[in-house]
Amino acid sequence: MAEQGFHEGELAVQVRAGVRAQAARLGGAMLAVPDLDGGIAWFLADRDFAVITARDAASRLWISPLFAAPGFLEARDRTLRIHTTPSRDDPLHSLPPGQPVGMLAIEFATRRRVRVNGTLTRTSADGLELSVDQAFGNCPKYIQQRDLEHDEHRAVGHIEHSDRLCAEHTELIRRADTFFLGTVHPTRGADASHRGGPPGFVRVENGHLWWPDYPGNNMFNSFGNLESDKTAALLFVDYDSGVTLHLSGTATVEWTAAGIAGDDGGTGRRVRFAVEAIAFGPLLGIRSDEPQPSPHNPPMT
């Protein structure tokens, strides 16, 4: 087993970033046996928005939204029951059981989030069931504060598939202050994480996306996965219209000189994403007020 329970990809990135000691101190809570009977269960029970990373029937990785009335996430012992499924036209609507999945539940209004990783043990028309391996909270950094409202009249099932970005996709990405990142590891499973920043922090160049890395918890769960497996998926949501943009492809961590143009977080790291498949839509039954930017957002350079 890898030192401190981190896998080889996480260790390699921590060493290169010079934060191995800090990561070791913080890793205990993340790597402990998950306890879903306390505060995490209460937090999950009150949520109405989450995202899930998984593979479709053709083994392509996607990350998709789960949006339902509070109570749809029911955690007990080492089991998480999700009393909804991705919508009918979502890339993960018929995700097969028996695979590793990663889920992130987030409360934008209070800037709180919890990651839950495990194995999808059951699927049905009514929901999903996970056997949980990891459950832990993340810091509130870079979460834009917003209140979500349900508006089922806005939910529409139309979806468009393509393999390259169009002007409408690019405009949504360039306006975004938030997206979700799905990654995988060959033996440790899948993960879903949040990325936030000022509108425009995700750049689009020549059909590729890239974004700067910001200072975080130094555990590098997503970067560690990418070190071992470049497969990745992105989800953008337009919180005004409810439009969703799913991207599936590969991502590479690039190490640059700290402080160069575009190194907004001053870390000398960025991620470049190559698009392989796109699912644009459907609309979520969602509305949002004007967001309050995170006080931790760095200025764009």
Protein backbone atom coordinates (compact mmCIF):
# COMPACT_ATOMS: atom_id res chain seq x y z
CA MET A 1 0.00 0.00 0.00
CA ALA A 2 1.20 3.51 -0.74
CA GLU A 3 2.65 5.58 2.09
CA GLN A 4 -0.07 7.12 4.29
CA GLY A 5 -2.65 5.50 2.02
CA PHE A 6 -2.07 7.93 -0.84
CA HIS A 7 -1.66 6.24 -4.20
CA GLU A 8 1.39 6.61 -6.42
CA GLY A 9 -0.06 9.44 -8.51
CA GLU A 10 -0.95 11.57 -5.49
CA LEU A 11 2.46 10.98 -3.95
CA ALA A 12 4.25 11.95 -7.16
CA VAL A 13 2.37 15.25 -7.45
CA GLN A 14 2.78 16.06 -3.74
CA VAL A 15 6.53 15.51 -3.99
CA ARG A 16 6.88 17.61 -7.13
CA ALA A 17 4.85 20.42 -5.54
CA GLY A 18 6.99 20.25 -2.37
CA VAL A 19 4.02 19.63 -0.04
CA ARG A 20 4.49 15.99 0.92
CA ALA A 21 4.70 16.73 4.66
CA GLN A 22 1.59 18.94 4.66
CA ALA A 23 -0.40 16.32 2.75
CA ALA A 24 0.62 13.60 5.19
CA ARG A 25 -0.72 15.64 8.13
CA LEU A 26 -4.07 16.22 6.44
CA GLY A 27 -4.53 12.79 4.89
CA GLY A 28 -5.78 10.96 7.96
CA ALA A 29 -9.32 12.31 7.85
CA MET A 30 -9.68 11.62 4.14
CA LEU A 31 -8.29 8.09 4.38
CA ALA A 32 -10.11 7.01 7.56
CA VAL A 33 -12.93 4.45 7.44
CA PRO A 34 -15.98 6.53 6.48
CA ASP A 35 -18.62 7.18 9.14
CA LEU A 36 -21.93 8.12 7.54
CA ASP A 37 -23.98 8.13 10.74
CA GLY A 38 -22.99 11.59 12.01
CA GLY A 39 -22.52 15.05 10.60
CA ILE A 40 -21.90 13.91 7.02
CA ALA A 41 -25.25 12.09 6.94
CA TRP A 42 -27.07 15.19 8.20
CA PHE A 43 -25.34 17.37 5.66
CA LEU A 44 -26.18 15.02 2.79
CA ALA A 45 -29.81 14.71 3.88
CA ASP A 46 -30.33 18.47 3.52
CA ARG A 47 -28.80 18.79 0.05
CA ASP A 48 -30.65 19.28 -3.23
CA PHE A 49 -27.63 19.35 -5.58
CA ALA A 50 -24.83 16.88 -6.19
CA VAL A 51 -22.71 15.60 -9.08
CA ILE A 52 -21.61 12.06 -9.88
CA THR A 53 -18.62 10.74 -11.84
CA ALA A 54 -19.09 7.39 -13.58
CA ARG A 55 -18.79 5.58 -16.90
CA ASP A 56 -21.62 5.06 -19.35
CA ALA A 57 -22.45 1.72 -21.00
CA ALA A 58 -19.65 2.32 -23.53
CA SER A 59 -17.13 2.94 -20.68
CA ARG A 60 -16.80 6.67 -21.43
CA LEU A 61 -16.32 8.83 -18.34
CA TRP A 62 -18.81 11.63 -17.59
CA ILE A 63 -19.75 13.79 -14.61
CA SER A 64 -23.44 14.58 -14.29
CA PRO A 65 -25.74 16.61 -12.03
CA LEU A 66 -28.20 15.19 -9.50
CA PHE A 67 -30.84 17.76 -8.58
CA ALA A 68 -33.82 16.82 -6.41
CA ALA A 69 -35.70 17.86 -3.30
CA PRO A 70 -33.72 17.62 -0.02
CA GLY A 71 -33.80 14.09 1.34
CA PHE A 72 -32.75 12.40 -1.89
CA LEU A 73 -29.35 11.53 -0.36
CA GLU A 74 -29.75 8.98 2.44
CA ALA A 75 -26.55 7.85 4.18
CA ARG A 76 -26.23 5.14 6.82
CA ASP A 77 -23.24 3.07 7.99
CA ARG A 78 -21.22 2.51 4.78
CA THR A 79 -24.14 2.85 2.34
CA LEU A 80 -25.41 5.87 0.42
CA ARG A 81 -28.81 5.65 -1.23
CA ILE A 82 -29.52 8.22 -3.94
CA HIS A 83 -33.26 8.56 -4.52
CA THR A 84 -32.95 9.96 -8.02
CA THR A 85 -31.00 9.25 -11.20
CA PRO A 86 -29.42 11.38 -13.92
CA SER A 87 -32.17 12.66 -16.23
CA ARG A 88 -33.44 10.61 -19.17
CA ASP A 89 -31.22 12.31 -21.76
CA ASP A 90 -28.16 12.65 -19.53
CA PRO A 91 -25.01 10.74 -20.63
CA LEU A 92 -25.16 8.77 -17.35
CA HIS A 93 -28.88 8.01 -17.36
CA SER A 94 -28.31 4.24 -17.69
CA LEU A 95 -24.98 3.94 -15.90
CA PRO A 96 -24.14 0.28 -15.24
CA PRO A 97 -23.71 -1.03 -11.66
CA GLY A 98 -20.58 -2.68 -10.32
CA GLN A 99 -18.32 0.26 -11.17
CA PRO A 100 -16.44 2.79 -9.03
CA VAL A 101 -18.12 6.19 -8.79
CA GLY A 102 -17.35 9.52 -7.17
CA MET A 103 -19.95 11.95 -5.85
CA LEU A 104 -19.76 15.51 -4.59
CA ALA A 105 -22.61 17.13 -2.65
CA ILE A 106 -22.42 20.90 -2.39
CA GLU A 107 -24.31 23.70 -0.66
CA PHE A 108 -23.44 26.87 -2.52
CA ALA A 109 -25.27 29.13 -0.06
CA THR A 110 -22.93 28.20 2.83
CA ARG A 111 -19.92 27.20 0.72
CA ARG A 112 -19.83 23.64 2.08
CA ARG A 113 -19.09 20.43 0.20
CA VAL A 114 -18.59 16.71 0.88
CA ARG A 115 -17.00 14.10 -1.37
CA VAL A 116 -18.23 10.50 -1.30
CA ASN A 117 -16.39 7.80 -3.27
CA GLY A 118 -17.25 4.13 -3.56
CA THR A 119 -18.77 1.38 -5.69
CA LEU A 120 -22.15 1.55 -7.40
CA THR A 121 -23.84 -1.61 -6.14
CA ARG A 122 -27.40 -1.14 -7.42
CA THR A 123 -29.27 0.86 -10.03
CA SER A 124 -32.99 1.13 -10.67
CA ALA A 125 -35.48 3.54 -12.19
CA ASP A 126 -35.90 5.06 -8.74
CA GLY A 127 -32.30 5.59 -7.75
CA LEU A 128 -28.79 4.35 -7.05
CA GLU A 129 -26.97 2.70 -4.14
CA LEU A 130 -23.29 3.11 -3.26
CA SER A 131 -21.01 1.11 -1.01
CA VAL A 132 -18.84 3.92 0.38
CA ASP A 133 -15.04 3.78 0.67
CA GLN A 134 -14.34 7.47 1.37
CA ALA A 135 -16.41 10.36 2.71
CA PHE A 136 -14.83 13.66 3.70
CA GLY A 137 -15.41 17.40 3.63
CA ASN A 138 -13.47 20.00 1.67
CA CYS A 139 -12.66 23.60 2.48
CA PRO A 140 -14.98 26.41 1.27
CA LYS A 141 -12.37 28.06 -0.95
CA TYR A 142 -13.42 29.17 -4.43
CA ILE A 143 -17.12 28.30 -4.01
CA GLN A 144 -19.27 31.13 -5.37
CA GLN A 145 -22.15 31.75 -2.97
CA ARG A 146 -25.56 31.37 -4.63
CA ASP A 147 -29.08 30.22 -3.73
CA LEU A 148 -30.61 27.59 -5.98
CA GLU A 149 -34.34 27.33 -6.58
CA HIS A 150 -36.30 24.46 -8.11
CA ASP A 151 -38.31 25.26 -11.23
CA GLU A 152 -39.46 22.04 -12.85
CA HIS A 153 -41.18 23.97 -15.65
CA ARG A 154 -37.72 24.79 -17.02
CA ALA A 155 -36.57 21.15 -17.21
CA VAL A 156 -36.35 20.02 -20.86
CA GLY A 157 -35.08 16.68 -22.16
CA HIS A 158 -33.40 17.74 -25.42
CA ILE A 159 -29.67 17.03 -25.74
CA GLU A 160 -27.15 17.54 -28.54
CA HIS A 161 -24.08 15.36 -29.08
CA SER A 162 -20.89 16.39 -30.83
CA ASP A 163 -17.12 15.97 -30.68
CA ARG A 164 -15.95 19.58 -30.93
CA LEU A 165 -16.79 22.86 -29.26
CA CYS A 166 -19.05 25.35 -31.00
CA ALA A 167 -19.48 29.06 -30.28
CA GLU A 168 -22.39 28.44 -27.89
CA HIS A 169 -20.35 25.95 -25.84
CA THR A 170 -17.36 28.29 -25.73
CA GLU A 171 -19.46 31.23 -24.58
CA LEU A 172 -20.95 29.19 -21.71
CA ILE A 173 -17.46 28.09 -20.61
CA ARG A 174 -16.03 31.59 -20.73
CA ARG A 175 -18.89 32.94 -18.59
CA ALA A 176 -18.59 30.17 -16.01
CA ASP A 177 -17.43 30.80 -12.44
CA THR A 178 -17.81 27.12 -11.50
CA PHE A 179 -17.37 23.68 -13.01
CA PHE A 180 -17.04 20.10 -11.79
CA LEU A 181 -14.17 17.74 -12.61
CA GLY A 182 -14.40 13.94 -12.78
CA THR A 183 -11.25 11.79 -12.66
CA VAL A 184 -10.37 8.12 -12.13
CA HIS A 185 -7.55 5.94 -10.87
CA PRO A 186 -6.95 2.39 -12.21
CA THR A 187 -7.38 0.76 -8.79
CA ARG A 188 -8.63 3.46 -6.38
CA GLY A 189 -11.81 4.35 -8.25
CA ALA A 190 -13.51 7.57 -9.36
CA ASP A 191 -13.66 11.07 -7.90
CA ALA A 192 -15.77 14.20 -8.35
CA SER A 193 -14.42 17.62 -7.41
CA HIS A 194 -15.37 21.30 -7.62
CA ARG A 195 -13.45 24.08 -9.34
CA GLY A 196 -14.35 27.75 -9.01
CA GLY A 197 -12.93 31.16 -9.85
CA PRO A 198 -13.84 34.47 -11.46
CA PRO A 199 -15.79 34.26 -14.74
CA GLY A 200 -13.27 33.56 -17.48
CA PHE A 201 -10.87 31.53 -15.34
CA VAL A 202 -11.39 28.61 -17.73
CA ARG A 203 -9.75 29.50 -21.04
CA VAL A 204 -10.64 28.08 -24.46
CA GLU A 205 -7.86 27.94 -27.05
CA ASN A 206 -7.87 26.04 -30.36
CA GLY A 207 -10.62 23.69 -29.25
CA HIS A 208 -8.88 22.86 -25.94
CA LEU A 209 -9.62 24.11 -22.42
CA TRP A 210 -7.16 25.07 -19.76
CA TRP A 211 -7.40 26.56 -16.28
CA PRO A 212 -4.84 27.58 -13.64
CA ASP A 213 -4.52 25.64 -10.42
CA TYR A 214 -5.19 27.51 -7.18
CA PRO A 215 -3.69 26.78 -3.74
CA GLY A 216 -5.70 24.05 -2.01
CA ASN A 217 -5.42 21.31 0.59
CA ASN A 218 -2.19 19.90 -0.91
CA MET A 219 -3.54 16.34 -1.14
CA PHE A 220 -3.93 16.55 -4.93
CA ASN A 221 -6.62 13.89 -5.26
CA SER A 222 -7.64 14.98 -8.77
CA PHE A 223 -4.10 15.74 -9.95
CA GLY A 224 -2.91 12.43 -8.53
CA ASN A 225 -5.56 10.58 -10.52
CA LEU A 226 -4.53 12.44 -13.69
CA GLU A 227 -0.90 11.51 -13.03
CA SER A 228 -1.96 7.84 -13.26
CA ASP A 229 -4.84 8.07 -15.77
CA LYS A 230 -5.52 11.08 -18.01
CA THR A 231 -9.20 10.21 -18.47
CA ALA A 232 -11.36 13.12 -17.31
CA ALA A 233 -14.80 14.67 -17.57
CA LEU A 234 -16.10 18.21 -17.00
CA LEU A 235 -19.56 19.57 -16.21
CA PHE A 236 -20.58 23.20 -16.66
CA VAL A 237 -24.00 24.46 -15.56
CA ASP A 238 -25.53 27.78 -16.60
CA TYR A 239 -27.33 28.62 -13.36
CA ASP A 240 -29.42 31.29 -15.09
CA SER A 241 -30.90 29.11 -17.84
CA GLY A 242 -30.34 25.60 -16.46
CA VAL A 243 -28.35 24.55 -19.54
CA THR A 244 -25.75 21.84 -18.90
CA LEU A 245 -22.56 21.18 -20.85
CA HIS A 246 -20.91 17.77 -20.38
CA LEU A 247 -17.40 17.22 -21.74
CA SER A 248 -15.50 13.92 -21.82
CA GLY A 249 -11.86 13.55 -22.81
CA THR A 250 -8.37 13.66 -21.33
CA ALA A 251 -6.57 16.11 -19.07
CA THR A 252 -2.90 16.78 -18.43
CA VAL A 253 -1.28 18.72 -15.58
CA GLU A 254 1.24 21.22 -16.92
CA TRP A 255 4.01 22.59 -14.69
CA THR A 256 5.04 26.11 -15.59
CA ALA A 257 7.10 28.89 -14.07
CA ALA A 258 5.21 30.47 -11.18
CA GLY A 259 3.84 33.91 -11.95
CA ILE A 260 3.74 33.68 -15.73
CA ALA A 261 0.73 35.10 -17.58
CA GLY A 262 -2.33 33.02 -16.76
CA ASP A 263 -0.86 31.61 -13.53
CA ASP A 264 -3.64 33.30 -11.56
CA GLY A 265 -3.13 31.23 -8.43
CA GLY A 266 0.65 31.61 -8.43
CA THR A 267 1.17 27.84 -8.21
CA GLY A 268 3.00 27.25 -11.47
CA ARG A 269 0.43 24.59 -12.39
CA ARG A 270 -2.40 24.43 -14.91
CA VAL A 271 -4.59 21.74 -16.43
CA ARG A 272 -5.13 21.33 -20.16
CA PHE A 273 -8.21 19.39 -21.28
CA ALA A 274 -8.70 17.80 -24.71
CA VAL A 275 -12.32 17.31 -25.76
CA GLU A 276 -13.37 13.94 -27.17
CA ALA A 277 -17.16 13.92 -26.69
CA ILE A 278 -19.77 16.56 -25.82
CA ALA A 279 -23.35 16.37 -24.55
CA PHE A 280 -25.02 19.79 -24.52
CA GLY A 281 -28.16 19.93 -22.39
CA PRO A 282 -30.63 18.96 -21.11
CA LEU A 283 -31.97 21.82 -19.02
CA LEU A 284 -32.06 21.41 -15.26
CA GLY A 285 -35.15 22.64 -13.43
CA ILE A 286 -33.03 25.20 -11.64
CA ARG A 287 -32.76 28.92 -10.98
CA SER A 288 -30.10 30.92 -9.17
CA ASP A 289 -29.82 34.40 -7.76
CA GLU A 290 -26.81 36.59 -8.52
CA PRO A 291 -23.76 34.82 -7.02
CA GLN A 292 -21.49 36.32 -4.40
CA PRO A 293 -17.91 35.66 -5.57
CA SER A 294 -15.61 33.74 -3.27
CA PRO A 295 -13.28 36.07 -1.36
CA HIS A 296 -10.47 33.67 -2.24
CA ASN A 297 -10.81 34.08 -6.01
CA PRO A 298 -7.48 35.41 -7.34
CA PRO A 299 -7.46 38.09 -10.04
CA MET A 300 -6.94 36.88 -13.58
CA THR A 301 -3.57 37.66 -15.09
